[in-house]
Amino acid sequence: MRVHYEKLRADAAECALLRDLATDAEKRELFGRLADHLNSLASLMQRRVELQAAATAMAGSPGPVPKPPPAGMAL
């Protein structure tokens, strides 16, 4: 999953670059929204990876396992 969220971050950076280079206002807005959306997805995936790592580390210890944030929730 780490490879996937890193790819999303790279795609978001590319969209941000296209946003900055666009001369048309509609295209600037579109690429800006795409960059924001891809960054949000990457953040959710990264958080999930971190929670899974924490759950694995806590597997031998008593206590509740952290739950991931609800789907669609921006961090």
PDB file of N, CA and C in Angstrom:
ATOM      1  N   MET A   1       0.829  -1.195   0.000  1.00  0.00           N
ATOM      2  CA  MET A   1       0.000   0.000   0.000  1.00  0.00           C
ATOM      3  C   MET A   1       0.871   1.256   0.000  1.00  0.00           C
ATOM      4  N   ARG A   2       2.038   1.153   0.600  1.00  0.00           N
ATOM      5  CA  ARG A   2       2.919   2.323   0.642  1.00  0.00           C
ATOM      6  C   ARG A   2       3.253   2.799  -0.774  1.00  0.00           C
ATOM      7  N   VAL A   3       3.515   1.868  -1.670  1.00  0.00           N
ATOM      8  CA  VAL A   3       3.822   2.221  -3.056  1.00  0.00           C
ATOM      9  C   VAL A   3       2.646   2.969  -3.675  1.00  0.00           C
ATOM     10  N   HIS A   4       1.439   2.536  -3.346  1.00  0.00           N
ATOM     11  CA  HIS A   4       0.248   3.163  -3.917  1.00  0.00           C
ATOM     12  C   HIS A   4       0.074   4.594  -3.420  1.00  0.00           C
ATOM     13  N   TYR A   5       0.253   4.833  -2.112  1.00  0.00           N
ATOM     14  CA  TYR A   5       0.050   6.208  -1.653  1.00  0.00           C
ATOM     15  C   TYR A   5       1.196   7.113  -2.087  1.00  0.00           C
ATOM     16  N   GLU A   6       2.376   6.560  -2.269  1.00  0.00           N
ATOM     17  CA  GLU A   6       3.463   7.368  -2.808  1.00  0.00           C
ATOM     18  C   GLU A   6       3.187   7.752  -4.268  1.00  0.00           C
ATOM     19  N   LYS A   7       2.591   6.830  -5.019  1.00  0.00           N
ATOM     20  CA  LYS A   7       2.199   7.119  -6.407  1.00  0.00           C
ATOM     21  C   LYS A   7       1.112   8.188  -6.428  1.00  0.00           C
ATOM     22  N   LEU A   8       0.155   8.111  -5.510  1.00  0.00           N
ATOM     23  CA  LEU A   8      -0.882   9.141  -5.438  1.00  0.00           C
ATOM     24  C   LEU A   8      -0.273  10.509  -5.145  1.00  0.00           C
ATOM     25  N   ARG A   9       0.708  10.551  -4.248  1.00  0.00           N
ATOM     26  CA  ARG A   9       1.374  11.826  -3.935  1.00  0.00           C
ATOM     27  C   ARG A   9       2.116  12.372  -5.165  1.00  0.00           C
ATOM     28  N   ALA A  10       2.756  11.498  -5.915  1.00  0.00           N
ATOM     29  CA  ALA A  10       3.456  11.930  -7.131  1.00  0.00           C
ATOM     30  C   ALA A  10       2.454  12.453  -8.163  1.00  0.00           C
ATOM     31  N   ASP A  11       1.342  11.761  -8.312  1.00  0.00           N
ATOM     32  CA  ASP A  11       0.302  12.218  -9.241  1.00  0.00           C
ATOM     33  C   ASP A  11      -0.277  13.558  -8.796  1.00  0.00           C
ATOM     34  N   ALA A  12      -0.450  13.737  -7.495  1.00  0.00           N
ATOM     35  CA  ALA A  12      -0.951  15.008  -6.970  1.00  0.00           C
ATOM     36  C   ALA A  12       0.028  16.132  -7.261  1.00  0.00           C
ATOM     37  N   ALA A  13       1.310  15.867  -7.125  1.00  0.00           N
ATOM     38  CA  ALA A  13       2.327  16.883  -7.418  1.00  0.00           C
ATOM     39  C   ALA A  13       2.303  17.253  -8.899  1.00  0.00           C
ATOM     40  N   GLU A  14       2.095  16.261  -9.749  1.00  0.00           N
ATOM     41  CA  GLU A  14       2.013  16.525 -11.185  1.00  0.00           C
ATOM     42  C   GLU A  14       0.777  17.366 -11.508  1.00  0.00           C
ATOM     43  N   CYS A  15      -0.338  17.063 -10.868  1.00  0.00           N
ATOM     44  CA  CYS A  15      -1.553  17.861 -11.070  1.00  0.00           C
ATOM     45  C   CYS A  15      -1.344  19.302 -10.592  1.00  0.00           C
ATOM     46  N   ALA A  16      -0.645  19.459  -9.483  1.00  0.00           N
ATOM     47  CA  ALA A  16      -0.361  20.805  -8.966  1.00  0.00           C
ATOM     48  C   ALA A  16       0.521  21.578  -9.952  1.00  0.00           C
ATOM     49  N   LEU A  17       1.475  20.896 -10.562  1.00  0.00           N
ATOM     50  CA  LEU A  17       2.324  21.535 -11.559  1.00  0.00           C
ATOM     51  C   LEU A  17       1.491  21.960 -12.768  1.00  0.00           C
ATOM     52  N   LEU A  18       0.615  21.056 -13.227  1.00  0.00           N
ATOM     53  CA  LEU A  18      -0.258  21.392 -14.349  1.00  0.00           C
ATOM     54  C   LEU A  18      -1.184  22.555 -13.999  1.00  0.00           C
ATOM     55  N   ARG A  19      -1.656  22.578 -12.762  1.00  0.00           N
ATOM     56  CA  ARG A  19      -2.480  23.702 -12.297  1.00  0.00           C
ATOM     57  C   ARG A  19      -1.710  25.006 -12.409  1.00  0.00           C
ATOM     58  N   ASP A  20      -0.472  24.981 -11.970  1.00  0.00           N
ATOM     59  CA  ASP A  20       0.347  26.194 -11.988  1.00  0.00           C
ATOM     60  C   ASP A  20       0.694  26.648 -13.405  1.00  0.00           C
ATOM     61  N   LEU A  21       0.773  25.705 -14.337  1.00  0.00           N
ATOM     62  CA  LEU A  21       1.127  26.031 -15.719  1.00  0.00           C
ATOM     63  C   LEU A  21      -0.084  26.374 -16.583  1.00  0.00           C
ATOM     64  N   ALA A  22      -1.275  25.990 -16.138  1.00  0.00           N
ATOM     65  CA  ALA A  22      -2.484  26.202 -16.943  1.00  0.00           C
ATOM     66  C   ALA A  22      -2.787  27.691 -17.087  1.00  0.00           C
ATOM     67  N   THR A  23      -3.178  28.060 -18.296  1.00  0.00           N
ATOM     68  CA  THR A  23      -3.555  29.457 -18.551  1.00  0.00           C
ATOM     69  C   THR A  23      -5.066  29.629 -18.495  1.00  0.00           C
ATOM     70  N   ASP A  24      -5.792  28.558 -18.606  1.00  0.00           N
ATOM     71  CA  ASP A  24      -7.252  28.585 -18.571  1.00  0.00           C
ATOM     72  C   ASP A  24      -7.721  28.424 -17.119  1.00  0.00           C
ATOM     73  N   ALA A  25      -8.617  29.290 -16.690  1.00  0.00           N
ATOM     74  CA  ALA A  25      -9.088  29.271 -15.299  1.00  0.00           C
ATOM     75  C   ALA A  25      -9.786  27.962 -14.942  1.00  0.00           C
ATOM     76  N   GLU A  26     -10.571  27.424 -15.868  1.00  0.00           N
ATOM     77  CA  GLU A  26     -11.272  26.156 -15.598  1.00  0.00           C
ATOM     78  C   GLU A  26     -10.277  25.018 -15.406  1.00  0.00           C
ATOM     79  N   LYS A  27      -9.235  24.991 -16.217  1.00  0.00           N
ATOM     80  CA  LYS A  27      -8.222  23.941 -16.083  1.00  0.00           C
ATOM     81  C   LYS A  27      -7.436  24.100 -14.790  1.00  0.00           C
ATOM     82  N   ARG A  28      -7.139  25.339 -14.412  1.00  0.00           N
ATOM     83  CA  ARG A  28      -6.452  25.564 -13.133  1.00  0.00           C
ATOM     84  C   ARG A  28      -7.287  25.020 -11.986  1.00  0.00           C
ATOM     85  N   GLU A  29      -8.577  25.307 -12.019  1.00  0.00           N
ATOM     86  CA  GLU A  29      -9.462  24.823 -10.958  1.00  0.00           C
ATOM     87  C   GLU A  29      -9.534  23.298 -10.951  1.00  0.00           C
ATOM     88  N   LEU A  30      -9.677  22.714 -12.134  1.00  0.00           N
ATOM     89  CA  LEU A  30      -9.777  21.255 -12.248  1.00  0.00           C
ATOM     90  C   LEU A  30      -8.519  20.577 -11.708  1.00  0.00           C
ATOM     91  N   PHE A  31      -7.351  21.015 -12.161  1.00  0.00           N
ATOM     92  CA  PHE A  31      -6.111  20.380 -11.712  1.00  0.00           C
ATOM     93  C   PHE A  31      -5.862  20.641 -10.225  1.00  0.00           C
ATOM     94  N   GLY A  32      -6.303  21.789  -9.729  1.00  0.00           N
ATOM     95  CA  GLY A  32      -6.191  22.059  -8.298  1.00  0.00           C
ATOM     96  C   GLY A  32      -7.045  21.114  -7.480  1.00  0.00           C
ATOM     97  N   ARG A  33      -8.285  20.891  -7.940  1.00  0.00           N
ATOM     98  CA  ARG A  33      -9.168  19.954  -7.226  1.00  0.00           C
ATOM     99  C   ARG A  33      -8.637  18.536  -7.303  1.00  0.00           C
ATOM    100  N   LEU A  34      -8.104  18.156  -8.460  1.00  0.00           N
ATOM    101  CA  LEU A  34      -7.517  16.814  -8.590  1.00  0.00           C
ATOM    102  C   LEU A  34      -6.333  16.640  -7.643  1.00  0.00           C
ATOM    103  N   ALA A  35      -5.470  17.646  -7.572  1.00  0.00           N
ATOM    104  CA  ALA A  35      -4.315  17.572  -6.673  1.00  0.00           C
ATOM    105  C   ALA A  35      -4.771  17.425  -5.224  1.00  0.00           C
ATOM    106  N   ASP A  36      -5.768  18.210  -4.820  1.00  0.00           N
ATOM    107  CA  ASP A  36      -6.285  18.116  -3.449  1.00  0.00           C
ATOM    108  C   ASP A  36      -6.880  16.744  -3.172  1.00  0.00           C
ATOM    109  N   HIS A  37      -7.646  16.239  -4.134  1.00  0.00           N
ATOM    110  CA  HIS A  37      -8.304  14.938  -3.947  1.00  0.00           C
ATOM    111  C   HIS A  37      -7.267  13.813  -3.847  1.00  0.00           C
ATOM    112  N   LEU A  38      -6.283  13.836  -4.730  1.00  0.00           N
ATOM    113  CA  LEU A  38      -5.252  12.795  -4.692  1.00  0.00           C
ATOM    114  C   LEU A  38      -4.444  12.854  -3.401  1.00  0.00           C
ATOM    115  N   ASN A  39      -4.157  14.061  -2.914  1.00  0.00           N
ATOM    116  CA  ASN A  39      -3.455  14.194  -1.634  1.00  0.00           C
ATOM    117  C   ASN A  39      -4.304  13.656  -0.484  1.00  0.00           C
ATOM    118  N   SER A  40      -5.613  13.892  -0.536  1.00  0.00           N
ATOM    119  CA  SER A  40      -6.504  13.363   0.505  1.00  0.00           C
ATOM    120  C   SER A  40      -6.509  11.835   0.500  1.00  0.00           C
ATOM    121  N   LEU A  41      -6.603  11.258  -0.691  1.00  0.00           N
ATOM    122  CA  LEU A  41      -6.572   9.793  -0.794  1.00  0.00           C
ATOM    123  C   LEU A  41      -5.248   9.234  -0.282  1.00  0.00           C
ATOM    124  N   ALA A  42      -4.159   9.880  -0.642  1.00  0.00           N
ATOM    125  CA  ALA A  42      -2.840   9.430  -0.182  1.00  0.00           C
ATOM    126  C   ALA A  42      -2.747   9.509   1.337  1.00  0.00           C
ATOM    127  N   SER A  43      -3.284  10.573   1.923  1.00  0.00           N
ATOM    128  CA  SER A  43      -3.251  10.718   3.385  1.00  0.00           C
ATOM    129  C   SER A  43      -4.047   9.616   4.069  1.00  0.00           C
ATOM    130  N   LEU A  44      -5.219   9.302   3.510  1.00  0.00           N
ATOM    131  CA  LEU A  44      -6.031   8.221   4.085  1.00  0.00           C
ATOM    132  C   LEU A  44      -5.305   6.881   4.004  1.00  0.00           C
ATOM    133  N   MET A  45      -4.694   6.614   2.864  1.00  0.00           N
ATOM    134  CA  MET A  45      -3.970   5.354   2.713  1.00  0.00           C
ATOM    135  C   MET A  45      -2.766   5.303   3.650  1.00  0.00           C
ATOM    136  N   GLN A  46      -2.051   6.415   3.776  1.00  0.00           N
ATOM    137  CA  GLN A  46      -0.894   6.453   4.663  1.00  0.00           C
ATOM    138  C   GLN A  46      -1.328   6.224   6.100  1.00  0.00           C
ATOM    139  N   ARG A  47      -2.416   6.848   6.505  1.00  0.00           N
ATOM    140  CA  ARG A  47      -2.943   6.669   7.866  1.00  0.00           C
ATOM    141  C   ARG A  47      -3.309   5.200   8.100  1.00  0.00           C
ATOM    142  N   ARG A  48      -3.899   4.570   7.115  1.00  0.00           N
ATOM    143  CA  ARG A  48      -4.274   3.156   7.224  1.00  0.00           C
ATOM    144  C   ARG A  48      -3.030   2.288   7.420  1.00  0.00           C
ATOM    145  N   VAL A  49      -1.980   2.559   6.669  1.00  0.00           N
ATOM    146  CA  VAL A  49      -0.722   1.808   6.793  1.00  0.00           C
ATOM    147  C   VAL A  49      -0.160   1.989   8.201  1.00  0.00           C
ATOM    148  N   GLU A  50      -0.182   3.231   8.688  1.00  0.00           N
ATOM    149  CA  GLU A  50       0.340   3.497  10.034  1.00  0.00           C
ATOM    150  C   GLU A  50      -0.486   2.787  11.101  1.00  0.00           C
ATOM    151  N   LEU A  51      -1.810   2.781  10.942  1.00  0.00           N
ATOM    152  CA  LEU A  51      -2.666   2.087  11.909  1.00  0.00           C
ATOM    153  C   LEU A  51      -2.432   0.581  11.886  1.00  0.00           C
ATOM    154  N   GLN A  52      -2.246   0.023  10.688  1.00  0.00           N
ATOM    155  CA  GLN A  52      -1.968  -1.407  10.587  1.00  0.00           C
ATOM    156  C   GLN A  52      -0.628  -1.739  11.242  1.00  0.00           C
ATOM    157  N   ALA A  53       0.366  -0.876  11.068  1.00  0.00           N
ATOM    158  CA  ALA A  53       1.669  -1.108  11.690  1.00  0.00           C
ATOM    159  C   ALA A  53       1.544  -1.039  13.208  1.00  0.00           C
ATOM    160  N   ALA A  54       0.764  -0.068  13.697  1.00  0.00           N
ATOM    161  CA  ALA A  54       0.566   0.058  15.136  1.00  0.00           C
ATOM    162  C   ALA A  54      -0.175  -1.159  15.685  1.00  0.00           C
ATOM    163  N   ALA A  55      -1.183  -1.640  14.959  1.00  0.00           N
ATOM    164  CA  ALA A  55      -1.947  -2.808  15.399  1.00  0.00           C
ATOM    165  C   ALA A  55      -1.063  -4.047  15.438  1.00  0.00           C
ATOM    166  N   THR A  56      -0.192  -4.173  14.462  1.00  0.00           N
ATOM    167  CA  THR A  56       0.730  -5.305  14.429  1.00  0.00           C
ATOM    168  C   THR A  56       1.696  -5.239  15.602  1.00  0.00           C
ATOM    169  N   ALA A  57       2.179  -4.035  15.898  1.00  0.00           N
ATOM    170  CA  ALA A  57       3.101  -3.866  17.013  1.00  0.00           C
ATOM    171  C   ALA A  57       2.425  -4.151  18.350  1.00  0.00           C
ATOM    172  N   MET A  58       1.127  -3.860  18.423  1.00  0.00           N
ATOM    173  CA  MET A  58       0.393  -4.052  19.676  1.00  0.00           C
ATOM    174  C   MET A  58      -0.236  -5.436  19.781  1.00  0.00           C
ATOM    175  N   ALA A  59      -0.032  -6.281  18.790  1.00  0.00           N
ATOM    176  CA  ALA A  59      -0.697  -7.577  18.748  1.00  0.00           C
ATOM    177  C   ALA A  59      -0.449  -8.409  20.002  1.00  0.00           C
ATOM    178  N   GLY A  60       0.703  -8.285  20.591  1.00  0.00           N
ATOM    179  CA  GLY A  60       1.013  -9.071  21.779  1.00  0.00           C
ATOM    180  C   GLY A  60       0.605  -8.403  23.075  1.00  0.00           C
ATOM    181  N   SER A  61       0.201  -7.140  23.031  1.00  0.00           N
ATOM    182  CA  SER A  61      -0.146  -6.434  24.264  1.00  0.00           C
ATOM    183  C   SER A  61      -1.654  -6.294  24.399  1.00  0.00           C
ATOM    184  N   PRO A  62      -2.163  -6.278  25.646  1.00  0.00           N
ATOM    185  CA  PRO A  62      -3.601  -6.117  25.841  1.00  0.00           C
ATOM    186  C   PRO A  62      -4.024  -4.687  25.529  1.00  0.00           C
ATOM    187  N   GLY A  63      -5.288  -4.520  25.230  1.00  0.00           N
ATOM    188  CA  GLY A  63      -5.818  -3.190  24.954  1.00  0.00           C
ATOM    189  C   GLY A  63      -6.483  -3.143  23.596  1.00  0.00           C
ATOM    190  N   PRO A  64      -7.240  -2.076  23.361  1.00  0.00           N
ATOM    191  CA  PRO A  64      -7.960  -1.973  22.094  1.00  0.00           C
ATOM    192  C   PRO A  64      -7.008  -1.665  20.933  1.00  0.00           C
ATOM    193  N   VAL A  65      -7.382  -2.121  19.752  1.00  0.00           N
ATOM    194  CA  VAL A  65      -6.639  -1.845  18.534  1.00  0.00           C
ATOM    195  C   VAL A  65      -7.225  -0.584  17.921  1.00  0.00           C
ATOM    196  N   PRO A  66      -6.399   0.389  17.527  1.00  0.00           N
ATOM    197  CA  PRO A  66      -6.940   1.614  16.946  1.00  0.00           C
ATOM    198  C   PRO A  66      -7.732   1.325  15.682  1.00  0.00           C
ATOM    199  N   LYS A  67      -8.828   2.045  15.499  1.00  0.00           N
ATOM    200  CA  LYS A  67      -9.656   1.869  14.318  1.00  0.00           C
ATOM    201  C   LYS A  67      -9.325   2.962  13.308  1.00  0.00           C
ATOM    202  N   PRO A  68      -9.413   2.634  12.014  1.00  0.00           N
ATOM    203  CA  PRO A  68      -9.144   3.640  10.995  1.00  0.00           C
ATOM    204  C   PRO A  68     -10.271   4.685  10.966  1.00  0.00           C
ATOM    205  N   PRO A  69      -9.986   5.871  10.426  1.00  0.00           N
ATOM    206  CA  PRO A  69     -11.039   6.875  10.319  1.00  0.00           C
ATOM    207  C   PRO A  69     -12.086   6.409   9.310  1.00  0.00           C
ATOM    208  N   PRO A  70     -13.316   6.929   9.415  1.00  0.00           N
ATOM    209  CA  PRO A  70     -14.360   6.533   8.462  1.00  0.00           C
ATOM    210  C   PRO A  70     -13.944   6.873   7.034  1.00  0.00           C
ATOM    211  N   ALA A  71     -14.436   6.098   6.089  1.00  0.00           N
ATOM    212  CA  ALA A  71     -14.114   6.335   4.680  1.00  0.00           C
ATOM    213  C   ALA A  71     -14.561   7.719   4.275  1.00  0.00           C
ATOM    214  N   GLY A  72     -13.717   8.390   3.510  1.00  0.00           N
ATOM    215  CA  GLY A  72     -14.050   9.719   3.023  1.00  0.00           C
ATOM    216  C   GLY A  72     -13.707  10.841   3.977  1.00  0.00           C
ATOM    217  N   MET A  73     -13.226  10.511   5.139  1.00  0.00           N
ATOM    218  CA  MET A  73     -12.880  11.557   6.122  1.00  0.00           C
ATOM    219  C   MET A  73     -11.486  12.080   5.811  1.00  0.00           C
ATOM    220  N   ALA A  74     -11.379  13.375   5.590  1.00  0.00           N
ATOM    221  CA  ALA A  74     -10.069  13.983   5.301  1.00  0.00           C
ATOM    222  C   ALA A  74      -9.304  14.167   6.587  1.00  0.00           C
ATOM    223  N   LEU A  75      -7.998  13.961   6.505  1.00  0.00           N
ATOM    224  CA  LEU A  75      -7.138  14.134   7.681  1.00  0.00           C
ATOM    225  C   LEU A  75      -6.508  15.477   7.676  1.00  0.00           C
TER     226      LEU A  75
END
